[in-house]
All heavy atoms as atom14 arrays in JSON, in Angstrom:
{
  "sequence": "EASGSIAGINVMGWYRQAPGKVRELVASLTRDGSTNYADSVKGRFTI",
  "atom14_mask": [
    [1, 1, 1, 1, 1, 1, 1, 1, 1, 0, 0, 0, 0, 0],
    [1, 1, 1, 1, 1, 0, 0, 0, 0, 0, 0, 0, 0, 0],
    [1, 1, 1, 1, 1, 1, 0, 0, 0, 0, 0, 0, 0, 0],
    [1, 1, 1, 1, 0, 0, 0, 0, 0, 0, 0, 0, 0, 0],
    [1, 1, 1, 1, 1, 1, 0, 0, 0, 0, 0, 0, 0, 0],
    [1, 1, 1, 1, 1, 1, 1, 1, 0, 0, 0, 0, 0, 0],
    [1, 1, 1, 1, 1, 0, 0, 0, 0, 0, 0, 0, 0, 0],
    [1, 1, 1, 1, 0, 0, 0, 0, 0, 0, 0, 0, 0, 0],
    [1, 1, 1, 1, 1, 1, 1, 1, 0, 0, 0, 0, 0, 0],
    [1, 1, 1, 1, 1, 1, 1, 1, 0, 0, 0, 0, 0, 0],
    [1, 1, 1, 1, 1, 1, 1, 0, 0, 0, 0, 0, 0, 0],
    [1, 1, 1, 1, 1, 1, 1, 1, 0, 0, 0, 0, 0, 0],
    [1, 1, 1, 1, 0, 0, 0, 0, 0, 0, 0, 0, 0, 0],
    [1, 1, 1, 1, 1, 1, 1, 1, 1, 1, 1, 1, 1, 1],
    [1, 1, 1, 1, 1, 1, 1, 1, 1, 1, 1, 1, 0, 0],
    [1, 1, 1, 1, 1, 1, 1, 1, 1, 1, 1, 0, 0, 0],
    [1, 1, 1, 1, 1, 1, 1, 1, 1, 0, 0, 0, 0, 0],
    [1, 1, 1, 1, 1, 0, 0, 0, 0, 0, 0, 0, 0, 0],
    [1, 1, 1, 1, 1, 1, 1, 0, 0, 0, 0, 0, 0, 0],
    [1, 1, 1, 1, 0, 0, 0, 0, 0, 0, 0, 0, 0, 0],
    [1, 1, 1, 1, 1, 1, 1, 1, 1, 0, 0, 0, 0, 0],
    [1, 1, 1, 1, 1, 1, 1, 0, 0, 0, 0, 0, 0, 0],
    [1, 1, 1, 1, 1, 1, 1, 1, 1, 1, 1, 0, 0, 0],
    [1, 1, 1, 1, 1, 1, 1, 1, 1, 0, 0, 0, 0, 0],
    [1, 1, 1, 1, 1, 1, 1, 1, 0, 0, 0, 0, 0, 0],
    [1, 1, 1, 1, 1, 1, 1, 0, 0, 0, 0, 0, 0, 0],
    [1, 1, 1, 1, 1, 0, 0, 0, 0, 0, 0, 0, 0, 0],
    [1, 1, 1, 1, 1, 1, 0, 0, 0, 0, 0, 0, 0, 0],
    [1, 1, 1, 1, 1, 1, 1, 1, 0, 0, 0, 0, 0, 0],
    [1, 1, 1, 1, 1, 1, 1, 0, 0, 0, 0, 0, 0, 0],
    [1, 1, 1, 1, 1, 1, 1, 1, 1, 1, 1, 0, 0, 0],
    [1, 1, 1, 1, 1, 1, 1, 1, 0, 0, 0, 0, 0, 0],
    [1, 1, 1, 1, 0, 0, 0, 0, 0, 0, 0, 0, 0, 0],
    [1, 1, 1, 1, 1, 1, 0, 0, 0, 0, 0, 0, 0, 0],
    [1, 1, 1, 1, 1, 1, 1, 0, 0, 0, 0, 0, 0, 0],
    [1, 1, 1, 1, 1, 1, 1, 1, 0, 0, 0, 0, 0, 0],
    [1, 1, 1, 1, 1, 1, 1, 1, 1, 1, 1, 1, 0, 0],
    [1, 1, 1, 1, 1, 0, 0, 0, 0, 0, 0, 0, 0, 0],
    [1, 1, 1, 1, 1, 1, 1, 1, 0, 0, 0, 0, 0, 0],
    [1, 1, 1, 1, 1, 1, 0, 0, 0, 0, 0, 0, 0, 0],
    [1, 1, 1, 1, 1, 1, 1, 0, 0, 0, 0, 0, 0, 0],
    [1, 1, 1, 1, 1, 1, 1, 1, 1, 0, 0, 0, 0, 0],
    [1, 1, 1, 1, 0, 0, 0, 0, 0, 0, 0, 0, 0, 0],
    [1, 1, 1, 1, 1, 1, 1, 1, 1, 1, 1, 0, 0, 0],
    [1, 1, 1, 1, 1, 1, 1, 1, 1, 1, 1, 0, 0, 0],
    [1, 1, 1, 1, 1, 1, 1, 0, 0, 0, 0, 0, 0, 0],
    [1, 1, 1, 1, 1, 1, 1, 1, 0, 0, 0, 0, 0, 0]
  ],
  "atom14_positions": [
    [[-80.63, 1.95, 18.68], [-80.52, 3.07, 17.77], [-81.5, 4.18, 18.15], [-82.63, 3.91, 18.54], [-80.79, 2.63, 16.33], [-79.79, 1.59, 15.83], [-80.0, 1.24, 14.38], [-80.83, 1.9, 13.71], [-79.33, 0.31, 13.9], [0.0, 0.0, 0.0], [0.0, 0.0, 0.0], [0.0, 0.0, 0.0], [0.0, 0.0, 0.0], [0.0, 0.0, 0.0]],
    [[-81.05, 5.41, 18.01], [-81.89, 6.56, 18.34], [-82.83, 6.89, 17.19], [-82.46, 6.77, 16.02], [-81.02, 7.77, 18.66], [0.0, 0.0, 0.0], [0.0, 0.0, 0.0], [0.0, 0.0, 0.0], [0.0, 0.0, 0.0], [0.0, 0.0, 0.0], [0.0, 0.0, 0.0], [0.0, 0.0, 0.0], [0.0, 0.0, 0.0], [0.0, 0.0, 0.0]],
    [[-84.03, 7.31, 17.54], [-85.01, 7.68, 16.53], [-84.8, 9.09, 16.01], [-85.39, 9.48, 15.02], [-86.42, 7.56, 17.12], [-86.61, 8.43, 18.22], [0.0, 0.0, 0.0], [0.0, 0.0, 0.0], [0.0, 0.0, 0.0], [0.0, 0.0, 0.0], [0.0, 0.0, 0.0], [0.0, 0.0, 0.0], [0.0, 0.0, 0.0], [0.0, 0.0, 0.0]],
    [[-83.97, 9.86, 16.69], [-83.68, 11.22, 16.3], [-82.26, 11.6, 16.68], [-81.53, 10.78, 17.23], [0.0, 0.0, 0.0], [0.0, 0.0, 0.0], [0.0, 0.0, 0.0], [0.0, 0.0, 0.0], [0.0, 0.0, 0.0], [0.0, 0.0, 0.0], [0.0, 0.0, 0.0], [0.0, 0.0, 0.0], [0.0, 0.0, 0.0], [0.0, 0.0, 0.0]],
    [[-81.89, 12.82, 16.38], [-80.54, 13.28, 16.68], [-80.4, 13.6, 18.16], [-81.35, 14.03, 18.81], [-80.19, 14.5, 15.83], [-81.06, 15.58, 16.11], [0.0, 0.0, 0.0], [0.0, 0.0, 0.0], [0.0, 0.0, 0.0], [0.0, 0.0, 0.0], [0.0, 0.0, 0.0], [0.0, 0.0, 0.0], [0.0, 0.0, 0.0], [0.0, 0.0, 0.0]],
    [[-79.19, 13.4, 18.67], [-78.88, 13.68, 20.07], [-77.55, 14.43, 20.11], [-76.57, 14.0, 19.53], [-78.76, 12.39, 20.9], [-80.03, 11.55, 20.79], [-78.48, 12.74, 22.36], [-79.95, 10.23, 21.52], [0.0, 0.0, 0.0], [0.0, 0.0, 0.0], [0.0, 0.0, 0.0], [0.0, 0.0, 0.0], [0.0, 0.0, 0.0], [0.0, 0.0, 0.0]],
    [[-77.53, 15.54, 20.83], [-76.32, 16.33, 20.96], [-75.72, 16.19, 22.35], [-76.45, 15.98, 23.32], [-76.62, 17.8, 20.67], [0.0, 0.0, 0.0], [0.0, 0.0, 0.0], [0.0, 0.0, 0.0], [0.0, 0.0, 0.0], [0.0, 0.0, 0.0], [0.0, 0.0, 0.0], [0.0, 0.0, 0.0], [0.0, 0.0, 0.0], [0.0, 0.0, 0.0]],
    [[-74.41, 16.29, 22.43], [-73.72, 16.31, 23.71], [-73.74, 15.0, 24.48], [-73.89, 15.01, 25.7], [0.0, 0.0, 0.0], [0.0, 0.0, 0.0], [0.0, 0.0, 0.0], [0.0, 0.0, 0.0], [0.0, 0.0, 0.0], [0.0, 0.0, 0.0], [0.0, 0.0, 0.0], [0.0, 0.0, 0.0], [0.0, 0.0, 0.0], [0.0, 0.0, 0.0]],
    [[-73.55, 13.89, 23.8], [-73.52, 12.59, 24.46], [-72.2, 12.41, 25.2], [-71.13, 12.56, 24.63], [-73.71, 11.45, 23.45], [-75.08, 11.56, 22.79], [-73.54, 10.1, 24.13], [-75.3, 10.56, 21.67], [0.0, 0.0, 0.0], [0.0, 0.0, 0.0], [0.0, 0.0, 0.0], [0.0, 0.0, 0.0], [0.0, 0.0, 0.0], [0.0, 0.0, 0.0]],
    [[-72.27, 12.08, 26.48], [-71.08, 11.85, 27.29], [-70.77, 10.36, 27.47], [-69.61, 9.96, 27.42], [-71.23, 12.51, 28.66], [-71.28, 14.01, 28.58], [-72.36, 14.61, 28.63], [-70.11, 14.64, 28.46], [0.0, 0.0, 0.0], [0.0, 0.0, 0.0], [0.0, 0.0, 0.0], [0.0, 0.0, 0.0], [0.0, 0.0, 0.0], [0.0, 0.0, 0.0]],
    [[-71.81, 9.57, 27.72], [-71.63, 8.15, 27.97], [-72.75, 7.36, 27.3], [-73.91, 7.77, 27.33], [-71.62, 7.82, 29.48], [-71.31, 6.35, 29.69], [-70.61, 8.69, 30.22], [0.0, 0.0, 0.0], [0.0, 0.0, 0.0], [0.0, 0.0, 0.0], [0.0, 0.0, 0.0], [0.0, 0.0, 0.0], [0.0, 0.0, 0.0], [0.0, 0.0, 0.0]],
    [[-72.4, 6.23, 26.72], [-73.38, 5.3, 26.2], [-73.13, 3.96, 26.89], [-71.98, 3.6, 27.15], [-73.24, 5.13, 24.68], [-73.31, 6.44, 23.91], [-73.11, 6.25, 22.12], [-74.74, 5.63, 21.68], [0.0, 0.0, 0.0], [0.0, 0.0, 0.0], [0.0, 0.0, 0.0], [0.0, 0.0, 0.0], [0.0, 0.0, 0.0], [0.0, 0.0, 0.0]],
    [[-74.19, 3.26, 27.21], [-73.98, 2.02, 27.93], [-75.16, 1.08, 27.89], [-76.2, 1.36, 27.29], [0.0, 0.0, 0.0], [0.0, 0.0, 0.0], [0.0, 0.0, 0.0], [0.0, 0.0, 0.0], [0.0, 0.0, 0.0], [0.0, 0.0, 0.0], [0.0, 0.0, 0.0], [0.0, 0.0, 0.0], [0.0, 0.0, 0.0], [0.0, 0.0, 0.0]],
    [[-74.96, -0.05, 28.54], [-75.98, -1.08, 28.67], [-76.14, -1.47, 30.13], [-75.15, -1.66, 30.84], [-75.62, -2.32, 27.85], [-75.75, -2.14, 26.37], [-74.79, -1.72, 25.51], [-76.91, -2.38, 25.59], [-75.28, -1.68, 24.22], [-76.59, -2.09, 24.25], [-78.2, -2.83, 25.88], [-77.51, -2.22, 23.2], [-79.12, -2.95, 24.85], [-78.77, -2.65, 23.53]],
    [[-77.37, -1.58, 30.55], [-77.71, -2.09, 31.86], [-78.56, -3.34, 31.69], [-79.08, -3.61, 30.6], [-78.51, -1.05, 32.66], [-77.72, 0.14, 33.15], [-77.28, 1.12, 32.27], [-77.43, 0.29, 34.51], [-76.57, 2.21, 32.72], [-76.72, 1.39, 34.96], [-76.29, 2.35, 34.07], [-75.58, 3.44, 34.52], [0.0, 0.0, 0.0], [0.0, 0.0, 0.0]],
    [[-78.7, -4.09, 32.77], [-79.6, -5.23, 32.72], [-80.29, -5.39, 34.07], [-79.77, -4.98, 35.09], [-78.86, -6.52, 32.36], [-77.88, -7.03, 33.4], [-77.15, -8.26, 32.89], [-76.21, -8.8, 33.87], [-75.35, -9.78, 33.62], [-75.32, -10.35, 32.42], [-74.54, -10.21, 34.57], [0.0, 0.0, 0.0], [0.0, 0.0, 0.0], [0.0, 0.0, 0.0]],
    [[-81.46, -6.0, 34.04], [-82.22, -6.23, 35.25], [-82.91, -7.58, 35.17], [-83.7, -7.82, 34.26], [-83.24, -5.12, 35.47], [-83.99, -5.23, 36.79], [-84.81, -3.99, 37.1], [-85.15, -3.22, 36.2], [-85.11, -3.78, 38.37], [0.0, 0.0, 0.0], [0.0, 0.0, 0.0], [0.0, 0.0, 0.0], [0.0, 0.0, 0.0], [0.0, 0.0, 0.0]],
    [[-82.6, -8.43, 36.12], [-83.24, -9.73, 36.23], [-84.38, -9.64, 37.23], [-84.39, -8.76, 38.1], [-82.23, -10.79, 36.68], [0.0, 0.0, 0.0], [0.0, 0.0, 0.0], [0.0, 0.0, 0.0], [0.0, 0.0, 0.0], [0.0, 0.0, 0.0], [0.0, 0.0, 0.0], [0.0, 0.0, 0.0], [0.0, 0.0, 0.0], [0.0, 0.0, 0.0]],
    [[-85.36, -10.53, 37.15], [-86.49, -10.51, 38.09], [-86.01, -10.55, 39.54], [-85.18, -11.38, 39.9], [-87.28, -11.77, 37.72], [-86.98, -11.98, 36.28], [-85.52, -11.6, 36.14], [0.0, 0.0, 0.0], [0.0, 0.0, 0.0], [0.0, 0.0, 0.0], [0.0, 0.0, 0.0], [0.0, 0.0, 0.0], [0.0, 0.0, 0.0], [0.0, 0.0, 0.0]],
    [[-86.53, -9.64, 40.35], [-86.17, -9.6, 41.75], [-84.84, -8.96, 42.06], [-84.43, -8.94, 43.22], [0.0, 0.0, 0.0], [0.0, 0.0, 0.0], [0.0, 0.0, 0.0], [0.0, 0.0, 0.0], [0.0, 0.0, 0.0], [0.0, 0.0, 0.0], [0.0, 0.0, 0.0], [0.0, 0.0, 0.0], [0.0, 0.0, 0.0], [0.0, 0.0, 0.0]],
    [[-84.16, -8.45, 41.05], [-82.86, -7.82, 41.26], [-82.87, -6.37, 40.78], [-83.72, -5.97, 39.99], [-81.76, -8.59, 40.53], [-81.55, -10.01, 41.02], [-80.37, -10.66, 40.32], [-80.11, -12.05, 40.86], [-78.94, -12.68, 40.18], [0.0, 0.0, 0.0], [0.0, 0.0, 0.0], [0.0, 0.0, 0.0], [0.0, 0.0, 0.0], [0.0, 0.0, 0.0]],
    [[-81.92, -5.6, 41.28], [-81.8, -4.21, 40.87], [-81.16, -4.13, 39.5], [-80.46, -5.04, 39.05], [-80.99, -3.39, 41.88], [-81.64, -3.41, 43.25], [-79.57, -3.93, 41.98], [0.0, 0.0, 0.0], [0.0, 0.0, 0.0], [0.0, 0.0, 0.0], [0.0, 0.0, 0.0], [0.0, 0.0, 0.0], [0.0, 0.0, 0.0], [0.0, 0.0, 0.0]],
    [[-81.4, -3.02, 38.83], [-80.77, -2.8, 37.54], [-79.29, -2.54, 37.75], [-78.9, -1.73, 38.6], [-81.43, -1.62, 36.83], [-80.94, -1.41, 35.41], [-81.76, -0.33, 34.7], [-83.16, -0.69, 34.61], [-84.07, 0.01, 33.94], [-83.71, 1.1, 33.28], [-85.34, -0.38, 33.92], [0.0, 0.0, 0.0], [0.0, 0.0, 0.0], [0.0, 0.0, 0.0]],
    [[-78.45, -3.21, 36.98], [-77.01, -3.08, 37.13], [-76.34, -2.69, 35.83], [-76.8, -3.05, 34.74], [-76.4, -4.39, 37.65], [-76.55, -5.56, 36.68], [-75.83, -6.82, 37.15], [-75.0, -6.72, 38.08], [-76.11, -7.9, 36.59], [0.0, 0.0, 0.0], [0.0, 0.0, 0.0], [0.0, 0.0, 0.0], [0.0, 0.0, 0.0], [0.0, 0.0, 0.0]],
    [[-75.25, -1.98, 35.95], [-74.46, -1.59, 34.78], [-73.72, -2.8, 34.24], [-73.03, -3.5, 34.98], [-73.47, -0.49, 35.15], [-72.5, -0.06, 34.04], [-73.27, 0.62, 32.91], [-71.45, 0.88, 34.6], [0.0, 0.0, 0.0], [0.0, 0.0, 0.0], [0.0, 0.0, 0.0], [0.0, 0.0, 0.0], [0.0, 0.0, 0.0], [0.0, 0.0, 0.0]],
    [[-73.84, -3.03, 32.95], [-73.15, -4.13, 32.28], [-71.89, -3.62, 31.6], [-70.8, -4.19, 31.76], [-74.06, -4.83, 31.26], [-73.29, -5.92, 30.52], [-75.28, -5.41, 31.95], [0.0, 0.0, 0.0], [0.0, 0.0, 0.0], [0.0, 0.0, 0.0], [0.0, 0.0, 0.0], [0.0, 0.0, 0.0], [0.0, 0.0, 0.0], [0.0, 0.0, 0.0]],
    [[-72.03, -2.56, 30.82], [-70.9, -2.01, 30.09], [-71.18, -0.56, 29.74], [-72.33, -0.17, 29.53], [-70.64, -2.81, 28.81], [0.0, 0.0, 0.0], [0.0, 0.0, 0.0], [0.0, 0.0, 0.0], [0.0, 0.0, 0.0], [0.0, 0.0, 0.0], [0.0, 0.0, 0.0], [0.0, 0.0, 0.0], [0.0, 0.0, 0.0], [0.0, 0.0, 0.0]],
    [[-70.13, 0.25, 29.68], [-70.28, 1.65, 29.32], [-69.14, 2.08, 28.41], [-68.06, 1.49, 28.42], [-70.34, 2.54, 30.56], [-69.13, 2.48, 31.29], [0.0, 0.0, 0.0], [0.0, 0.0, 0.0], [0.0, 0.0, 0.0], [0.0, 0.0, 0.0], [0.0, 0.0, 0.0], [0.0, 0.0, 0.0], [0.0, 0.0, 0.0], [0.0, 0.0, 0.0]],
    [[-69.4, 3.12, 27.64], [-68.44, 3.65, 26.69], [-68.49, 5.17, 26.77], [-69.53, 5.77, 26.52], [-68.78, 3.16, 25.28], [-67.89, 3.6, 24.13], [-66.47, 3.09, 24.32], [-68.46, 3.09, 22.82], [0.0, 0.0, 0.0], [0.0, 0.0, 0.0], [0.0, 0.0, 0.0], [0.0, 0.0, 0.0], [0.0, 0.0, 0.0], [0.0, 0.0, 0.0]],
    [[-67.37, 5.79, 27.1], [-67.31, 7.24, 27.25], [-66.97, 7.93, 25.94], [-66.6, 7.28, 24.96], [-66.3, 7.65, 28.32], [-64.99, 7.22, 27.93], [-66.65, 7.03, 29.66], [0.0, 0.0, 0.0], [0.0, 0.0, 0.0], [0.0, 0.0, 0.0], [0.0, 0.0, 0.0], [0.0, 0.0, 0.0], [0.0, 0.0, 0.0], [0.0, 0.0, 0.0]],
    [[-67.05, 9.24, 25.95], [-66.78, 10.04, 24.76], [-65.39, 9.79, 24.19], [-65.22, 9.75, 22.96], [-66.93, 11.53, 25.07], [-66.7, 12.45, 23.89], [-66.52, 13.88, 24.34], [-67.72, 14.4, 24.97], [-68.69, 15.04, 24.33], [-68.6, 15.25, 23.02], [-69.75, 15.47, 24.99], [0.0, 0.0, 0.0], [0.0, 0.0, 0.0], [0.0, 0.0, 0.0]],
    [[-64.4, 9.59, 25.07], [-63.03, 9.4, 24.61], [-62.72, 7.95, 24.24], [-61.57, 7.63, 23.92], [-62.04, 9.88, 25.67], [-62.1, 9.09, 26.96], [-62.92, 8.16, 27.05], [-61.32, 9.39, 27.88], [0.0, 0.0, 0.0], [0.0, 0.0, 0.0], [0.0, 0.0, 0.0], [0.0, 0.0, 0.0], [0.0, 0.0, 0.0], [0.0, 0.0, 0.0]],
    [[-63.71, 7.08, 24.3], [-63.52, 5.7, 23.9], [-63.2, 4.74, 25.01], [-63.01, 3.54, 24.75], [0.0, 0.0, 0.0], [0.0, 0.0, 0.0], [0.0, 0.0, 0.0], [0.0, 0.0, 0.0], [0.0, 0.0, 0.0], [0.0, 0.0, 0.0], [0.0, 0.0, 0.0], [0.0, 0.0, 0.0], [0.0, 0.0, 0.0], [0.0, 0.0, 0.0]],
    [[-63.13, 5.21, 26.24], [-62.85, 4.34, 27.37], [-64.04, 3.43, 27.64], [-65.19, 3.86, 27.58], [-62.53, 5.15, 28.61], [-61.36, 5.93, 28.42], [0.0, 0.0, 0.0], [0.0, 0.0, 0.0], [0.0, 0.0, 0.0], [0.0, 0.0, 0.0], [0.0, 0.0, 0.0], [0.0, 0.0, 0.0], [0.0, 0.0, 0.0], [0.0, 0.0, 0.0]],
    [[-63.76, 2.18, 27.96], [-64.81, 1.22, 28.25], [-64.72, 0.73, 29.68], [-63.65, 0.74, 30.3], [-64.74, 0.01, 27.31], [-63.46, -0.62, 27.43], [-64.94, 0.44, 25.86], [0.0, 0.0, 0.0], [0.0, 0.0, 0.0], [0.0, 0.0, 0.0], [0.0, 0.0, 0.0], [0.0, 0.0, 0.0], [0.0, 0.0, 0.0], [0.0, 0.0, 0.0]],
    [[-65.86, 0.29, 30.19], [-65.92, -0.27, 31.53], [-66.93, -1.4, 31.52], [-68.0, -1.27, 30.93], [-66.32, 0.81, 32.55], [-66.41, 0.27, 33.96], [-67.49, 0.03, 34.5], [-65.25, 0.08, 34.57], [0.0, 0.0, 0.0], [0.0, 0.0, 0.0], [0.0, 0.0, 0.0], [0.0, 0.0, 0.0], [0.0, 0.0, 0.0], [0.0, 0.0, 0.0]],
    [[-66.57, -2.52, 32.17], [-67.43, -3.68, 32.19], [-67.63, -4.18, 33.61], [-66.74, -4.08, 34.45], [-66.83, -4.82, 31.36], [-66.69, -4.52, 29.89], [-65.52, -3.98, 29.38], [-67.73, -4.78, 29.01], [-65.39, -3.71, 28.03], [-67.61, -4.51, 27.66], [-66.44, -3.98, 27.17], [-66.31, -3.71, 25.83], [0.0, 0.0, 0.0], [0.0, 0.0, 0.0]],
    [[-68.8, -4.73, 33.84], [-69.03, -5.41, 35.11], [-68.12, -6.63, 35.18], [-67.82, -7.27, 34.17], [-70.5, -5.84, 35.21], [0.0, 0.0, 0.0], [0.0, 0.0, 0.0], [0.0, 0.0, 0.0], [0.0, 0.0, 0.0], [0.0, 0.0, 0.0], [0.0, 0.0, 0.0], [0.0, 0.0, 0.0], [0.0, 0.0, 0.0], [0.0, 0.0, 0.0]],
    [[-67.67, -6.96, 36.39], [-66.76, -8.08, 36.55], [-67.35, -9.38, 36.0], [-66.62, -10.23, 35.47], [-66.4, -8.27, 38.03], [-65.5, -7.18, 38.56], [-64.83, -6.51, 37.76], [-65.47, -7.0, 39.79], [0.0, 0.0, 0.0], [0.0, 0.0, 0.0], [0.0, 0.0, 0.0], [0.0, 0.0, 0.0], [0.0, 0.0, 0.0], [0.0, 0.0, 0.0]],
    [[-68.65, -9.53, 36.11], [-69.3, -10.76, 35.69], [-69.3, -10.98, 34.18], [-69.54, -12.09, 33.73], [-70.74, -10.79, 36.21], [-71.48, -9.69, 35.71], [0.0, 0.0, 0.0], [0.0, 0.0, 0.0], [0.0, 0.0, 0.0], [0.0, 0.0, 0.0], [0.0, 0.0, 0.0], [0.0, 0.0, 0.0], [0.0, 0.0, 0.0], [0.0, 0.0, 0.0]],
    [[-69.03, -9.93, 33.4], [-69.08, -10.05, 31.95], [-67.75, -9.76, 31.27], [-67.64, -9.89, 30.05], [-70.17, -9.14, 31.34], [-71.51, -9.38, 32.01], [-69.76, -7.67, 31.45], [0.0, 0.0, 0.0], [0.0, 0.0, 0.0], [0.0, 0.0, 0.0], [0.0, 0.0, 0.0], [0.0, 0.0, 0.0], [0.0, 0.0, 0.0], [0.0, 0.0, 0.0]],
    [[-66.74, -9.4, 32.02], [-65.44, -9.09, 31.45], [-64.89, -10.29, 30.68], [-64.92, -11.41, 31.15], [-64.45, -8.69, 32.54], [-64.69, -7.31, 33.12], [-63.65, -6.97, 34.19], [-63.88, -5.58, 34.75], [-62.93, -5.25, 35.83], [0.0, 0.0, 0.0], [0.0, 0.0, 0.0], [0.0, 0.0, 0.0], [0.0, 0.0, 0.0], [0.0, 0.0, 0.0]],
    [[-64.4, -10.0, 29.47], [-63.86, -11.05, 28.63], [-64.91, -11.75, 27.79], [-64.55, -12.53, 26.9], [0.0, 0.0, 0.0], [0.0, 0.0, 0.0], [0.0, 0.0, 0.0], [0.0, 0.0, 0.0], [0.0, 0.0, 0.0], [0.0, 0.0, 0.0], [0.0, 0.0, 0.0], [0.0, 0.0, 0.0], [0.0, 0.0, 0.0], [0.0, 0.0, 0.0]],
    [[-66.18, -11.49, 28.04], [-67.25, -12.14, 27.29], [-68.09, -11.15, 26.48], [-68.55, -11.48, 25.39], [-68.18, -12.92, 28.23], [-67.48, -14.04, 28.99], [-68.48, -14.91, 29.74], [-69.2, -14.16, 30.77], [-70.52, -13.99, 30.78], [-71.27, -14.54, 29.83], [-71.1, -13.31, 31.76], [0.0, 0.0, 0.0], [0.0, 0.0, 0.0], [0.0, 0.0, 0.0]],
    [[-68.3, -9.96, 27.02], [-69.13, -8.95, 26.36], [-68.26, -7.82, 25.82], [-67.21, -7.5, 26.39], [-70.14, -8.34, 27.34], [-71.21, -9.28, 27.82], [-71.2, -10.63, 27.48], [-72.25, -8.81, 28.61], [-72.19, -11.49, 27.92], [-73.24, -9.65, 29.06], [-73.22, -11.0, 28.72], [0.0, 0.0, 0.0], [0.0, 0.0, 0.0], [0.0, 0.0, 0.0]],
    [[-68.71, -7.21, 24.72], [-68.01, -6.09, 24.12], [-69.0, -5.01, 23.72], [-69.97, -5.28, 23.02], [-67.21, -6.52, 22.88], [-66.3, -7.57, 23.22], [-66.42, -5.34, 22.33], [0.0, 0.0, 0.0], [0.0, 0.0, 0.0], [0.0, 0.0, 0.0], [0.0, 0.0, 0.0], [0.0, 0.0, 0.0], [0.0, 0.0, 0.0], [0.0, 0.0, 0.0]],
    [[-68.74, -3.78, 24.16], [-69.59, -2.66, 23.81], [-68.93, -1.86, 22.69], [-67.7, -1.7, 22.66], [-69.87, -1.76, 25.03], [-70.89, -0.68, 24.69], [-68.58, -1.14, 25.56], [-71.36, 0.12, 25.91], [0.0, 0.0, 0.0], [0.0, 0.0, 0.0], [0.0, 0.0, 0.0], [0.0, 0.0, 0.0], [0.0, 0.0, 0.0], [0.0, 0.0, 0.0]]
  ]
}
């Protein structure tokens, strides 16, 4: 949750980073409602 107001949001999403690994995109949600998921979490995670 945001602590203040935000204008002009295009994409909201979640990333994750495990020790020794790069940060990777887990899921994203665009302004028009389109979603995208990493292959490793498809069918299990919902944004």
